[in-house]
Amino acid sequence: MIKANFNFDLANIDGSTAPEGNAGKLLSIAFANSTGGDPLQMMDWSDKLMAGQIIELNDYEVEIFVKFIIVTNCFSNIHKRQLLKILLND
C-alpha cells in the first residue's frame, strides 16, 4: 500500500512550471475522459485527485495507474516521468 500525492505542479524540462498546471488535476481529467477500466473506480480516483487528496493504492491499483499513465496520450513523456516517480518511489 502506498500513499500517492499528485498535488503538485508539473515541471518543464528546464524546471519551470509547466502550463498544464497541477499533476493531480490533469490526471483527474485524464481518468474522467478515459473510456477504459472500471468507471466507478476511475471516477472515484478522479474526484479525489481533483480535490487534491492523497490517494491510498494497493499494489494492483498502482499497476493500473502505471499502465494508464504509460498508454495515455494525455501526457508528454516528461510529465509521465513525474507522475510515475510518485508511484514507483524513484
Protein backbone atom coordinates (compact mmCIF):
# COMPACT_ATOMS: atom_id res chain seq x y z
CA MET A 1 0.00 0.00 0.00
CA ILE A 2 1.29 3.42 -0.93
CA LYS A 3 0.02 6.93 -0.37
CA ALA A 4 0.30 8.83 -3.64
CA ASN A 5 0.28 12.63 -3.57
CA PHE A 6 -0.21 14.15 -7.01
CA ASN A 7 -0.98 17.61 -5.66
CA PHE A 8 1.98 19.39 -7.27
CA ASP A 9 2.64 21.48 -10.34
CA LEU A 10 4.17 19.68 -13.30
CA ALA A 11 7.56 20.95 -14.42
CA ASN A 12 9.09 21.56 -17.84
CA ILE A 13 12.47 20.09 -18.76
CA ASP A 14 14.17 23.30 -17.58
CA GLY A 15 12.46 23.08 -14.18
CA SER A 16 9.97 25.88 -14.78
CA THR A 17 6.30 25.29 -14.03
CA ALA A 18 4.50 23.68 -16.95
CA PRO A 19 1.44 25.43 -18.35
CA GLU A 20 -0.52 22.19 -17.83
CA GLY A 21 -0.51 23.01 -14.11
CA ASN A 22 -1.40 20.66 -11.29
CA ALA A 23 -0.49 16.99 -11.82
CA GLY A 24 -3.46 15.66 -9.86
CA LYS A 25 -5.97 17.77 -11.73
CA LEU A 26 -4.52 16.77 -15.10
CA LEU A 27 -4.57 13.09 -14.10
CA SER A 28 -8.13 13.55 -12.81
CA ILE A 29 -9.26 14.89 -16.17
CA ALA A 30 -7.50 12.04 -17.97
CA PHE A 31 -9.30 9.45 -15.81
CA ALA A 32 -12.64 11.20 -16.28
CA ASN A 33 -12.24 11.33 -20.06
CA SER A 34 -10.99 7.76 -20.47
CA THR A 35 -13.24 5.03 -21.78
CA GLY A 36 -11.41 2.01 -20.35
CA GLY A 37 -11.20 0.47 -16.94
CA ASP A 38 -13.75 0.37 -14.14
CA PRO A 39 -15.71 3.63 -14.44
CA LEU A 40 -16.70 3.65 -10.76
CA GLN A 41 -13.10 3.27 -9.61
CA MET A 42 -11.73 5.68 -12.21
CA MET A 43 -14.23 8.37 -11.25
CA ASP A 44 -13.57 7.84 -7.54
CA TRP A 45 -9.88 8.43 -8.19
CA SER A 46 -10.73 11.36 -10.47
CA ASP A 47 -12.82 13.04 -7.76
CA LYS A 48 -10.07 12.58 -5.15
CA LEU A 49 -7.36 13.85 -7.48
CA MET A 50 -9.41 16.91 -8.45
CA ALA A 51 -9.84 17.69 -4.74
CA GLY A 52 -6.07 17.43 -4.18
CA GLN A 53 -6.38 14.43 -1.87
CA ILE A 54 -3.69 11.86 -1.21
CA ILE A 55 -4.74 8.51 -2.66
CA GLU A 56 -4.02 5.18 -0.97
CA LEU A 57 -3.29 2.48 -3.55
CA ASN A 58 -2.60 -1.22 -3.18
CA ASP A 59 -0.11 -2.94 -5.49
CA TYR A 60 -2.78 -3.86 -8.03
CA GLU A 61 -4.09 -0.28 -8.15
CA VAL A 62 -0.55 1.07 -8.56
CA GLU A 63 -0.20 -1.23 -11.56
CA ILE A 64 -3.44 0.20 -13.03
CA PHE A 65 -2.17 3.77 -12.54
CA VAL A 66 1.22 2.97 -14.07
CA LYS A 67 -0.28 1.29 -17.14
CA PHE A 68 -2.80 4.10 -17.58
CA ILE A 69 -0.13 6.79 -17.41
CA ILE A 70 2.13 4.94 -19.85
CA VAL A 71 -0.51 4.26 -22.51
CA THR A 72 -2.50 7.50 -22.38
CA ASN A 73 -1.79 10.17 -24.96
CA CYS A 74 -2.81 12.89 -22.49
CA PHE A 75 0.73 13.39 -21.15
CA SER A 76 4.12 14.04 -22.66
CA ASN A 77 7.00 11.82 -21.58
CA ILE A 78 8.43 14.49 -19.28
CA HIS A 79 5.14 14.63 -17.42
CA LYS A 80 4.67 10.86 -17.45
CA ARG A 81 8.05 10.55 -15.73
CA GLN A 82 6.99 12.94 -12.96
CA LEU A 83 3.74 11.03 -12.41
CA LEU A 84 5.43 7.63 -12.46
CA LYS A 85 8.05 8.73 -9.91
CA ILE A 86 5.24 9.26 -7.39
CA LEU A 87 4.05 5.70 -7.90
CA LEU A 88 7.40 3.94 -8.23
CA ASN A 89 9.16 5.84 -5.43
CA ASP A 90 12.08 6.90 -7.63
